[in-house]
Amino acid sequence: MSRDRRFFAGLVGVAAIVTYLVWTGISDTMMYFMTPSELIARAEANPALLEQGVKVSGNVVPGSYEQQTGELLHTFVVEDPDDPAVRLTVEFRHPLPDTFTDDVEVVMEGRYQVDGTFHASEVLTKCGSRYEAMPEEADYLYGDGGVSE
């Protein structure tokens, strides 16, 4: 009977260690993203936030995108989805995603600077929830497709 108890105690110990490792791994990799309003408010309340990497989500302001000639520097302005008056200037020094347009919703990872700019190390675009075929494609796919009977 003592052998069964030792086996059970070892099994419980291994399960506890695995649970701990999974829990700490998940909590270390989770990163909540903020809106520009939340980022600015938190940075004013806690300047140590400027030294941490954060994720920010917002809408690109139409007409704000610029690319510097001769170097890989993209700048654009992101507005808060809840309060469009709150805006954040973003600098990004890597190639942008193919789905990046002048009026797309983005999630960026990077650091907020003292001068009020956000230096992004990663930019992801949020895609629409559905894709629609172009009208002529839809006619071909769902209509008679130009085939006469």
C-alpha atoms as a PDB file:
ATOM      1  CA  MET A   1       0.000   0.000   0.000  1.00  0.00           C
ATOM      2  CA  SER A   2       2.855   2.407   0.736  1.00  0.00           C
ATOM      3  CA  ARG A   3       4.158   1.884  -2.796  1.00  0.00           C
ATOM      4  CA  ASP A   4       0.814   3.061  -4.229  1.00  0.00           C
ATOM      5  CA  ARG A   5       0.876   6.105  -1.971  1.00  0.00           C
ATOM      6  CA  ARG A   6       4.390   7.045  -3.089  1.00  0.00           C
ATOM      7  CA  PHE A   7       3.375   6.663  -6.719  1.00  0.00           C
ATOM      8  CA  PHE A   8       0.268   8.807  -6.176  1.00  0.00           C
ATOM      9  CA  ALA A   9       2.303  11.467  -4.291  1.00  0.00           C
ATOM     10  CA  GLY A  10       4.847  11.544  -7.122  1.00  0.00           C
ATOM     11  CA  LEU A  11       2.070  11.845  -9.692  1.00  0.00           C
ATOM     12  CA  VAL A  12       0.498  14.747  -7.783  1.00  0.00           C
ATOM     13  CA  GLY A  13       3.923  16.425  -7.533  1.00  0.00           C
ATOM     14  CA  VAL A  14       4.573  16.101 -11.258  1.00  0.00           C
ATOM     15  CA  ALA A  15       1.068  17.421 -12.034  1.00  0.00           C
ATOM     16  CA  ALA A  16       1.664  20.413  -9.734  1.00  0.00           C
ATOM     17  CA  ILE A  17       4.991  21.231 -11.388  1.00  0.00           C
ATOM     18  CA  VAL A  18       3.518  20.964 -14.904  1.00  0.00           C
ATOM     19  CA  THR A  19       0.560  23.149 -13.895  1.00  0.00           C
ATOM     20  CA  TYR A  20       2.932  25.760 -12.435  1.00  0.00           C
ATOM     21  CA  LEU A  21       5.104  25.802 -15.573  1.00  0.00           C
ATOM     22  CA  VAL A  22       2.077  26.117 -17.871  1.00  0.00           C
ATOM     23  CA  TRP A  23       0.583  28.901 -15.752  1.00  0.00           C
ATOM     24  CA  THR A  24       3.796  30.947 -15.583  1.00  0.00           C
ATOM     25  CA  GLY A  25       4.449  30.400 -19.304  1.00  0.00           C
ATOM     26  CA  ILE A  26       1.012  31.649 -20.262  1.00  0.00           C
ATOM     27  CA  SER A  27       1.091  34.652 -17.952  1.00  0.00           C
ATOM     28  CA  ASP A  28       4.562  35.649 -19.172  1.00  0.00           C
ATOM     29  CA  THR A  29       3.539  35.568 -22.832  1.00  0.00           C
ATOM     30  CA  MET A  30       0.144  37.265 -22.501  1.00  0.00           C
ATOM     31  CA  MET A  31       0.193  40.939 -23.347  1.00  0.00           C
ATOM     32  CA  TYR A  32      -2.892  43.116 -23.151  1.00  0.00           C
ATOM     33  CA  PHE A  33      -3.117  45.895 -25.716  1.00  0.00           C
ATOM     34  CA  MET A  34      -4.146  49.407 -24.766  1.00  0.00           C
ATOM     35  CA  THR A  35      -5.849  52.203 -26.628  1.00  0.00           C
ATOM     36  CA  PRO A  36      -3.878  55.436 -27.192  1.00  0.00           C
ATOM     37  CA  SER A  37      -5.896  57.107 -24.385  1.00  0.00           C
ATOM     38  CA  GLU A  38      -4.972  54.360 -21.924  1.00  0.00           C
ATOM     39  CA  LEU A  39      -1.313  54.464 -22.962  1.00  0.00           C
ATOM     40  CA  ILE A  40      -0.999  58.227 -22.522  1.00  0.00           C
ATOM     41  CA  ALA A  41      -2.818  58.184 -19.158  1.00  0.00           C
ATOM     42  CA  ARG A  42      -0.707  55.315 -17.820  1.00  0.00           C
ATOM     43  CA  ALA A  43       2.546  56.902 -19.037  1.00  0.00           C
ATOM     44  CA  GLU A  44       1.671  60.157 -17.257  1.00  0.00           C
ATOM     45  CA  ALA A  45       0.827  58.280 -14.045  1.00  0.00           C
ATOM     46  CA  ASN A  46       3.833  55.945 -14.206  1.00  0.00           C
ATOM     47  CA  PRO A  47       6.899  57.137 -16.177  1.00  0.00           C
ATOM     48  CA  ALA A  48       8.461  53.662 -15.770  1.00  0.00           C
ATOM     49  CA  LEU A  49       6.047  52.550 -18.500  1.00  0.00           C
ATOM     50  CA  LEU A  50       8.329  54.318 -20.985  1.00  0.00           C
ATOM     51  CA  GLU A  51      10.947  51.612 -20.391  1.00  0.00           C
ATOM     52  CA  GLN A  52       8.549  48.734 -21.052  1.00  0.00           C
ATOM     53  CA  GLY A  53       7.298  47.288 -24.291  1.00  0.00           C
ATOM     54  CA  VAL A  54       3.538  47.640 -24.728  1.00  0.00           C
ATOM     55  CA  LYS A  55       0.873  46.841 -27.311  1.00  0.00           C
ATOM     56  CA  VAL A  56      -1.414  49.572 -28.587  1.00  0.00           C
ATOM     57  CA  SER A  57      -4.438  49.296 -30.856  1.00  0.00           C
ATOM     58  CA  GLY A  58      -6.015  52.084 -32.870  1.00  0.00           C
ATOM     59  CA  ASN A  59      -7.204  53.289 -36.256  1.00  0.00           C
ATOM     60  CA  VAL A  60      -4.793  54.787 -38.780  1.00  0.00           C
ATOM     61  CA  VAL A  61      -5.837  58.365 -39.578  1.00  0.00           C
ATOM     62  CA  PRO A  62      -6.513  58.674 -43.332  1.00  0.00           C
ATOM     63  CA  GLY A  63      -3.872  60.792 -45.057  1.00  0.00           C
ATOM     64  CA  SER A  64      -1.360  60.553 -42.203  1.00  0.00           C
ATOM     65  CA  TYR A  65       0.898  57.850 -43.671  1.00  0.00           C
ATOM     66  CA  GLU A  66       4.314  58.947 -44.924  1.00  0.00           C
ATOM     67  CA  GLN A  67       7.392  56.993 -45.955  1.00  0.00           C
ATOM     68  CA  GLN A  68      10.796  58.640 -45.779  1.00  0.00           C
ATOM     69  CA  THR A  69      12.740  58.429 -49.015  1.00  0.00           C
ATOM     70  CA  GLY A  70      16.121  56.754 -48.853  1.00  0.00           C
ATOM     71  CA  GLU A  71      15.446  54.869 -45.623  1.00  0.00           C
ATOM     72  CA  LEU A  72      12.965  52.388 -44.253  1.00  0.00           C
ATOM     73  CA  LEU A  73      10.982  54.703 -41.972  1.00  0.00           C
ATOM     74  CA  HIS A  74       7.205  54.719 -41.964  1.00  0.00           C
ATOM     75  CA  THR A  75       5.315  57.334 -39.968  1.00  0.00           C
ATOM     76  CA  PHE A  76       1.584  57.516 -39.443  1.00  0.00           C
ATOM     77  CA  VAL A  77      -0.914  58.717 -36.883  1.00  0.00           C
ATOM     78  CA  VAL A  78      -3.211  56.398 -34.957  1.00  0.00           C
ATOM     79  CA  GLU A  79      -6.393  57.601 -33.280  1.00  0.00           C
ATOM     80  CA  ASP A  80      -8.230  56.094 -30.344  1.00  0.00           C
ATOM     81  CA  PRO A  81     -11.304  54.139 -31.519  1.00  0.00           C
ATOM     82  CA  ASP A  82     -13.330  55.453 -28.545  1.00  0.00           C
ATOM     83  CA  ASP A  83     -12.047  59.051 -28.624  1.00  0.00           C
ATOM     84  CA  PRO A  84     -10.821  60.144 -32.092  1.00  0.00           C
ATOM     85  CA  ALA A  85      -9.430  63.367 -30.606  1.00  0.00           C
ATOM     86  CA  VAL A  86      -6.656  61.354 -28.906  1.00  0.00           C
ATOM     87  CA  ARG A  87      -3.933  60.626 -31.440  1.00  0.00           C
ATOM     88  CA  LEU A  88      -0.537  58.989 -31.353  1.00  0.00           C
ATOM     89  CA  THR A  89       2.291  59.445 -33.871  1.00  0.00           C
ATOM     90  CA  VAL A  90       3.911  56.131 -34.792  1.00  0.00           C
ATOM     91  CA  GLU A  91       7.365  55.463 -36.264  1.00  0.00           C
ATOM     92  CA  PHE A  92       8.089  52.035 -37.728  1.00  0.00           C
ATOM     93  CA  ARG A  93      11.410  50.983 -39.308  1.00  0.00           C
ATOM     94  CA  HIS A  94      10.465  47.642 -40.873  1.00  0.00           C
ATOM     95  CA  PRO A  95       8.395  46.619 -43.903  1.00  0.00           C
ATOM     96  CA  LEU A  96       4.673  47.120 -43.348  1.00  0.00           C
ATOM     97  CA  PRO A  97       2.166  44.261 -43.751  1.00  0.00           C
ATOM     98  CA  ASP A  98       0.612  43.892 -47.202  1.00  0.00           C
ATOM     99  CA  THR A  99      -2.821  44.629 -45.739  1.00  0.00           C
ATOM    100  CA  PHE A 100      -1.736  48.016 -44.335  1.00  0.00           C
ATOM    101  CA  THR A 101      -3.788  50.853 -45.810  1.00  0.00           C
ATOM    102  CA  ASP A 102      -4.428  54.447 -44.889  1.00  0.00           C
ATOM    103  CA  ASP A 103      -7.582  53.666 -42.900  1.00  0.00           C
ATOM    104  CA  VAL A 104      -7.015  50.274 -41.277  1.00  0.00           C
ATOM    105  CA  GLU A 105      -7.138  49.215 -37.626  1.00  0.00           C
ATOM    106  CA  VAL A 106      -3.690  48.238 -36.332  1.00  0.00           C
ATOM    107  CA  VAL A 107      -2.145  46.608 -33.276  1.00  0.00           C
ATOM    108  CA  MET A 108       1.415  47.722 -32.617  1.00  0.00           C
ATOM    109  CA  GLU A 109       4.062  46.515 -30.220  1.00  0.00           C
ATOM    110  CA  GLY A 110       6.817  48.878 -29.150  1.00  0.00           C
ATOM    111  CA  ARG A 111       7.806  51.637 -26.744  1.00  0.00           C
ATOM    112  CA  TYR A 112       6.174  54.963 -25.983  1.00  0.00           C
ATOM    113  CA  GLN A 113       8.723  57.791 -25.984  1.00  0.00           C
ATOM    114  CA  VAL A 114       9.031  60.900 -23.815  1.00  0.00           C
ATOM    115  CA  ASP A 115       8.374  63.109 -26.868  1.00  0.00           C
ATOM    116  CA  GLY A 116       4.954  61.459 -27.365  1.00  0.00           C
ATOM    117  CA  THR A 117       5.823  59.237 -30.334  1.00  0.00           C
ATOM    118  CA  PHE A 118       5.408  55.497 -30.354  1.00  0.00           C
ATOM    119  CA  HIS A 119       8.381  53.562 -31.766  1.00  0.00           C
ATOM    120  CA  ALA A 120       6.810  50.364 -33.044  1.00  0.00           C
ATOM    121  CA  SER A 121       8.826  47.186 -33.377  1.00  0.00           C
ATOM    122  CA  GLU A 122       5.883  45.286 -34.865  1.00  0.00           C
ATOM    123  CA  VAL A 123       2.733  46.381 -36.709  1.00  0.00           C
ATOM    124  CA  LEU A 124      -0.185  44.033 -37.340  1.00  0.00           C
ATOM    125  CA  THR A 125      -3.320  44.951 -39.247  1.00  0.00           C
ATOM    126  CA  LYS A 126      -6.731  43.740 -38.244  1.00  0.00           C
ATOM    127  CA  CYS A 127      -8.590  42.213 -41.155  1.00  0.00           C
ATOM    128  CA  GLY A 128     -12.283  42.593 -41.773  1.00  0.00           C
ATOM    129  CA  SER A 129     -14.446  39.806 -40.459  1.00  0.00           C
ATOM    130  CA  ARG A 130     -15.385  38.707 -43.948  1.00  0.00           C
ATOM    131  CA  TYR A 131     -14.101  38.954 -47.458  1.00  0.00           C
ATOM    132  CA  GLU A 132     -16.352  39.742 -50.376  1.00  0.00           C
ATOM    133  CA  ALA A 133     -15.786  38.816 -53.992  1.00  0.00           C
ATOM    134  CA  MET A 134     -15.720  41.548 -56.607  1.00  0.00           C
ATOM    135  CA  PRO A 135     -19.044  41.832 -58.479  1.00  0.00           C
ATOM    136  CA  GLU A 136     -17.803  40.175 -61.683  1.00  0.00           C
ATOM    137  CA  GLU A 137     -16.258  37.343 -59.646  1.00  0.00           C
ATOM    138  CA  ALA A 138     -19.505  36.865 -57.768  1.00  0.00           C
ATOM    139  CA  ASP A 139     -21.439  36.621 -61.055  1.00  0.00           C
ATOM    140  CA  TYR A 140     -18.992  34.055 -62.338  1.00  0.00           C
ATOM    141  CA  LEU A 141     -18.983  32.003 -59.152  1.00  0.00           C
ATOM    142  CA  TYR A 142     -22.653  32.162 -58.295  1.00  0.00           C
ATOM    143  CA  GLY A 143     -24.399  33.166 -61.508  1.00  0.00           C
ATOM    144  CA  ASP A 144     -24.427  31.393 -64.832  1.00  0.00           C
ATOM    145  CA  GLY A 145     -20.743  32.228 -65.287  1.00  0.00           C
ATOM    146  CA  GLY A 146     -21.306  33.203 -68.901  1.00  0.00           C
ATOM    147  CA  VAL A 147     -22.299  29.673 -69.762  1.00  0.00           C
ATOM    148  CA  SER A 148     -25.372  29.493 -71.958  1.00  0.00           C
ATOM    149  CA  GLU A 149     -27.656  26.521 -71.978  1.00  0.00           C
END
